[in-house]
Structures are given as structure tokens and as C-alpha cells.
């Protein structure tokens, strides 16, 4: 079995979106991943809090890394998010994704997004589907 770290390195090279938002991969293992992102001023909405789309993107990136750790290219089939608290400029958000179930071509992953104080900002659930190809042959 190919280590999750090697798969994540291969993914990171192709992941322009996460890199452009200056996300950082904090932890990776079979079926789980953790990424961080600092909320910058250009991520603030009209309420002067982090736009939900950026929080969603962070959670979706963690989900993507977690569901690809099996070295089978995997994409999102559907996902949802519940916003529980605002994130502010300067906050450092961590999205921790965990595999709930994986069966056949499908998988379900839960992601918790928390701020630097450990306060939950959002809960995300992603449904994954495998596609053709591996990250590393």
C-alpha cells in the first residue's frame, strides 16, 4: 500500500486552489486529513466575517485529501455544510476530515472546521465517488 503522505504530495502538485488560498496540510493518514487556512481581509464578506464559500472550500479540500488516501482517484458526489459560528479576519481555521464509511465506489466523510480556539465554526459532510485512475501507479 502506498503511504497517504506520498499520495497527498502528488495531489498537492495539482491542487492550485488550495495552494492559492495558502492552505497547509497539517496531517494525513488513511481515511483522514487535516488542513489549515488563515482568514485574510480579502475573504471577508459584507458582514465583515469570513465568507462561507471560503470555509466550504477549506472543508472540501480536507474532504478531498481524506477520500483520496486510498490511492484511487476520488471526487465529490455531493456535500453539505452547516455554519455554526462566524470566522473573523486573522482566525486560523482547521478542517479535520474523517472517513465514516467506504464501500465499493462510494464513501462518506465528515469534516469539522474549528478556529484557533477550538470553537467549531462549521460541520461538513461529503459523499465521495471513485473515478478511473490512481495517484501513484
C-alpha atoms as a PDB file:
ATOM      1  CA  UNK A   1       0.000   0.000   0.000  1.00  0.00           C
ATOM      2  CA  UNK A   2       1.263   3.467  -0.891  1.00  0.00           C
ATOM      3  CA  UNK A   3       1.562   5.808   2.123  1.00  0.00           C
ATOM      4  CA  UNK A   4      -1.024   8.588   2.363  1.00  0.00           C
ATOM      5  CA  UNK A   5       1.795  11.151   2.573  1.00  0.00           C
ATOM      6  CA  UNK A   6       3.036  10.251  -0.919  1.00  0.00           C
ATOM      7  CA  UNK A   7      -0.482  10.423  -2.341  1.00  0.00           C
ATOM      8  CA  UNK A   8      -1.009  13.823  -0.705  1.00  0.00           C
ATOM      9  CA  UNK A   9       2.245  15.093  -2.244  1.00  0.00           C
ATOM     10  CA  UNK A  10       1.055  14.025  -5.691  1.00  0.00           C
ATOM     11  CA  UNK A  11      -2.316  15.696  -5.132  1.00  0.00           C
ATOM     12  CA  UNK A  12      -0.735  18.897  -3.792  1.00  0.00           C
ATOM     13  CA  UNK A  13       1.158  19.382  -7.060  1.00  0.00           C
ATOM     14  CA  UNK A  14      -2.177  19.528  -8.925  1.00  0.00           C
ATOM     15  CA  UNK A  15      -4.154  21.416  -6.251  1.00  0.00           C
ATOM     16  CA  UNK A  16      -3.873  25.019  -7.386  1.00  0.00           C
ATOM     17  CA  UNK A  17      -7.000  26.113  -5.474  1.00  0.00           C
ATOM     18  CA  UNK A  18      -5.772  25.035  -2.029  1.00  0.00           C
ATOM     19  CA  UNK A  19      -2.282  26.371  -2.652  1.00  0.00           C
ATOM     20  CA  UNK A  20      -3.591  29.742  -3.872  1.00  0.00           C
ATOM     21  CA  UNK A  21      -5.579  30.149  -0.629  1.00  0.00           C
ATOM     22  CA  UNK A  22      -2.376  29.342   1.297  1.00  0.00           C
ATOM     23  CA  UNK A  23      -3.865  26.253   2.918  1.00  0.00           C
ATOM     24  CA  UNK A  24      -1.452  23.987   4.737  1.00  0.00           C
ATOM     25  CA  UNK A  25      -1.722  20.229   5.018  1.00  0.00           C
ATOM     26  CA  UNK A  26      -1.277  19.507   8.730  1.00  0.00           C
ATOM     27  CA  UNK A  27      -1.929  15.774   8.933  1.00  0.00           C
ATOM     28  CA  UNK A  28      -2.720  12.931   6.566  1.00  0.00           C
ATOM     29  CA  UNK A  29      -3.421   9.252   7.090  1.00  0.00           C
ATOM     30  CA  UNK A  30      -5.590   6.537   5.644  1.00  0.00           C
ATOM     31  CA  UNK A  31      -9.123   7.979   5.573  1.00  0.00           C
ATOM     32  CA  UNK A  32      -8.340  11.282   7.256  1.00  0.00           C
ATOM     33  CA  UNK A  33      -6.741  14.653   6.600  1.00  0.00           C
ATOM     34  CA  UNK A  34      -6.366  17.999   8.333  1.00  0.00           C
ATOM     35  CA  UNK A  35      -5.750  21.342   6.607  1.00  0.00           C
ATOM     36  CA  UNK A  36      -5.432  24.877   7.943  1.00  0.00           C
ATOM     37  CA  UNK A  37      -6.127  28.266   6.392  1.00  0.00           C
ATOM     38  CA  UNK A  38      -5.715  31.782   7.771  1.00  0.00           C
ATOM     39  CA  UNK A  39      -8.691  34.077   7.154  1.00  0.00           C
ATOM     40  CA  UNK A  40      -7.439  37.165   5.318  1.00  0.00           C
ATOM     41  CA  UNK A  41      -9.129  40.513   4.693  1.00  0.00           C
ATOM     42  CA  UNK A  42      -9.923  39.583   1.103  1.00  0.00           C
ATOM     43  CA  UNK A  43     -12.004  36.641   2.400  1.00  0.00           C
ATOM     44  CA  UNK A  44     -14.386  38.900   4.355  1.00  0.00           C
ATOM     45  CA  UNK A  45     -17.961  39.425   3.189  1.00  0.00           C
ATOM     46  CA  UNK A  46     -20.273  42.419   3.732  1.00  0.00           C
ATOM     47  CA  UNK A  47     -20.802  41.330   7.351  1.00  0.00           C
ATOM     48  CA  UNK A  48     -17.022  41.624   7.908  1.00  0.00           C
ATOM     49  CA  UNK A  49     -16.726  37.898   8.641  1.00  0.00           C
ATOM     50  CA  UNK A  50     -15.235  35.118   6.548  1.00  0.00           C
ATOM     51  CA  UNK A  51     -17.388  34.395   3.507  1.00  0.00           C
ATOM     52  CA  UNK A  52     -18.935  30.940   3.829  1.00  0.00           C
ATOM     53  CA  UNK A  53     -17.567  29.934   0.452  1.00  0.00           C
ATOM     54  CA  UNK A  54     -14.019  30.063   1.793  1.00  0.00           C
ATOM     55  CA  UNK A  55     -14.956  27.942   4.808  1.00  0.00           C
ATOM     56  CA  UNK A  56     -16.662  25.488   2.458  1.00  0.00           C
ATOM     57  CA  UNK A  57     -13.559  25.391   0.242  1.00  0.00           C
ATOM     58  CA  UNK A  58     -11.317  24.585   3.206  1.00  0.00           C
ATOM     59  CA  UNK A  59     -13.651  21.790   4.335  1.00  0.00           C
ATOM     60  CA  UNK A  60     -13.957  20.474   0.777  1.00  0.00           C
ATOM     61  CA  UNK A  61     -10.173  20.397   0.403  1.00  0.00           C
ATOM     62  CA  UNK A  62      -9.765  18.390   3.622  1.00  0.00           C
ATOM     63  CA  UNK A  63     -12.509  16.046   2.393  1.00  0.00           C
ATOM     64  CA  UNK A  64     -10.689  15.680  -0.929  1.00  0.00           C
ATOM     65  CA  UNK A  65      -7.403  14.746   0.684  1.00  0.00           C
ATOM     66  CA  UNK A  66      -9.056  12.284   3.080  1.00  0.00           C
ATOM     67  CA  UNK A  67     -11.041  10.451   0.424  1.00  0.00           C
ATOM     68  CA  UNK A  68      -8.054  10.138  -1.924  1.00  0.00           C
ATOM     69  CA  UNK A  69      -5.749   8.479   0.635  1.00  0.00           C
ATOM     70  CA  UNK A  70      -6.608   5.029  -0.745  1.00  0.00           C
ATOM     71  CA  UNK A  71      -4.716   5.919  -3.980  1.00  0.00           C
ATOM     72  CA  UNK A  72      -7.894   5.716  -6.037  1.00  0.00           C
ATOM     73  CA  UNK A  73      -8.813   8.991  -7.718  1.00  0.00           C
ATOM     74  CA  UNK A  74     -11.954  10.139  -5.930  1.00  0.00           C
ATOM     75  CA  UNK A  75     -14.249  13.120  -6.421  1.00  0.00           C
ATOM     76  CA  UNK A  76     -17.156  14.697  -4.602  1.00  0.00           C
ATOM     77  CA  UNK A  77     -20.584  13.300  -5.489  1.00  0.00           C
ATOM     78  CA  UNK A  78     -22.373  15.669  -3.104  1.00  0.00           C
ATOM     79  CA  UNK A  79     -21.705  17.624   0.051  1.00  0.00           C
ATOM     80  CA  UNK A  80     -23.379  19.889   2.556  1.00  0.00           C
ATOM     81  CA  UNK A  81     -22.278  22.279   5.268  1.00  0.00           C
ATOM     82  CA  UNK A  82     -23.792  23.776   8.400  1.00  0.00           C
ATOM     83  CA  UNK A  83     -22.305  27.073   9.565  1.00  0.00           C
ATOM     84  CA  UNK A  84     -22.369  27.278  13.353  1.00  0.00           C
ATOM     85  CA  UNK A  85     -20.277  30.351  14.189  1.00  0.00           C
ATOM     86  CA  UNK A  86     -18.552  33.148  12.292  1.00  0.00           C
ATOM     87  CA  UNK A  87     -14.867  33.191  11.466  1.00  0.00           C
ATOM     88  CA  UNK A  88     -13.071  36.519  11.606  1.00  0.00           C
ATOM     89  CA  UNK A  89     -10.142  38.097   9.796  1.00  0.00           C
ATOM     90  CA  UNK A  90      -6.978  36.739  11.385  1.00  0.00           C
ATOM     91  CA  UNK A  91      -8.549  33.466  12.528  1.00  0.00           C
ATOM     92  CA  UNK A  92      -6.708  30.284  11.657  1.00  0.00           C
ATOM     93  CA  UNK A  93      -9.211  27.626  10.668  1.00  0.00           C
ATOM     94  CA  UNK A  94      -8.547  23.900  10.783  1.00  0.00           C
ATOM     95  CA  UNK A  95     -10.631  21.432   8.801  1.00  0.00           C
ATOM     96  CA  UNK A  96     -10.322  17.866  10.065  1.00  0.00           C
ATOM     97  CA  UNK A  97     -11.816  15.217   7.776  1.00  0.00           C
ATOM     98  CA  UNK A  98     -12.596  11.663   8.820  1.00  0.00           C
ATOM     99  CA  UNK A  99     -13.823   8.703   6.823  1.00  0.00           C
ATOM    100  CA  UNK A 100     -17.177   7.483   8.140  1.00  0.00           C
ATOM    101  CA  UNK A 101     -17.713   4.640   5.684  1.00  0.00           C
ATOM    102  CA  UNK A 102     -16.155   3.440   2.435  1.00  0.00           C
ATOM    103  CA  UNK A 103     -17.808   0.747   0.371  1.00  0.00           C
ATOM    104  CA  UNK A 104     -17.337  -0.056  -3.297  1.00  0.00           C
ATOM    105  CA  UNK A 105     -17.033   3.177  -5.273  1.00  0.00           C
ATOM    106  CA  UNK A 106     -18.648   5.343  -2.569  1.00  0.00           C
ATOM    107  CA  UNK A 107     -17.584   6.897   0.701  1.00  0.00           C
ATOM    108  CA  UNK A 108     -18.904   9.314   3.308  1.00  0.00           C
ATOM    109  CA  UNK A 109     -16.648  11.757   5.148  1.00  0.00           C
ATOM    110  CA  UNK A 110     -17.312  14.169   7.991  1.00  0.00           C
ATOM    111  CA  UNK A 111     -15.319  17.371   8.360  1.00  0.00           C
ATOM    112  CA  UNK A 112     -15.224  19.653  11.386  1.00  0.00           C
ATOM    113  CA  UNK A 113     -13.961  23.192  10.845  1.00  0.00           C
ATOM    114  CA  UNK A 114     -12.725  24.892  14.013  1.00  0.00           C
ATOM    115  CA  UNK A 115     -10.914  28.132  14.804  1.00  0.00           C
ATOM    116  CA  UNK A 116      -7.637  28.502  16.695  1.00  0.00           C
ATOM    117  CA  UNK A 117      -9.551  28.436  20.000  1.00  0.00           C
ATOM    118  CA  UNK A 118     -11.087  25.043  19.215  1.00  0.00           C
ATOM    119  CA  UNK A 119     -14.541  26.537  18.621  1.00  0.00           C
ATOM    120  CA  UNK A 120     -16.499  24.726  15.921  1.00  0.00           C
ATOM    121  CA  UNK A 121     -17.256  27.042  13.013  1.00  0.00           C
ATOM    122  CA  UNK A 122     -18.856  24.537  10.622  1.00  0.00           C
ATOM    123  CA  UNK A 123     -19.749  20.893  10.087  1.00  0.00           C
ATOM    124  CA  UNK A 124     -19.443  19.442   6.586  1.00  0.00           C
ATOM    125  CA  UNK A 125     -20.420  16.053   5.178  1.00  0.00           C
ATOM    126  CA  UNK A 126     -19.127  14.861   1.840  1.00  0.00           C
ATOM    127  CA  UNK A 127     -20.153  11.903  -0.289  1.00  0.00           C
ATOM    128  CA  UNK A 128     -17.313  10.642  -2.474  1.00  0.00           C
ATOM    129  CA  UNK A 129     -17.239   8.568  -5.637  1.00  0.00           C
ATOM    130  CA  UNK A 130     -14.194   6.933  -7.180  1.00  0.00           C
ATOM    131  CA  UNK A 131     -13.274   7.558 -10.795  1.00  0.00           C
ATOM    132  CA  UNK A 132     -10.733   5.944 -13.101  1.00  0.00           C
ATOM    133  CA  UNK A 133      -7.083   6.253 -12.243  1.00  0.00           C
ATOM    134  CA  UNK A 134      -4.660   6.190  -9.363  1.00  0.00           C
ATOM    135  CA  UNK A 135      -2.493   8.960  -7.974  1.00  0.00           C
ATOM    136  CA  UNK A 136       0.600   6.771  -7.973  1.00  0.00           C
ATOM    137  CA  UNK A 137       0.942   3.679 -10.168  1.00  0.00           C
END
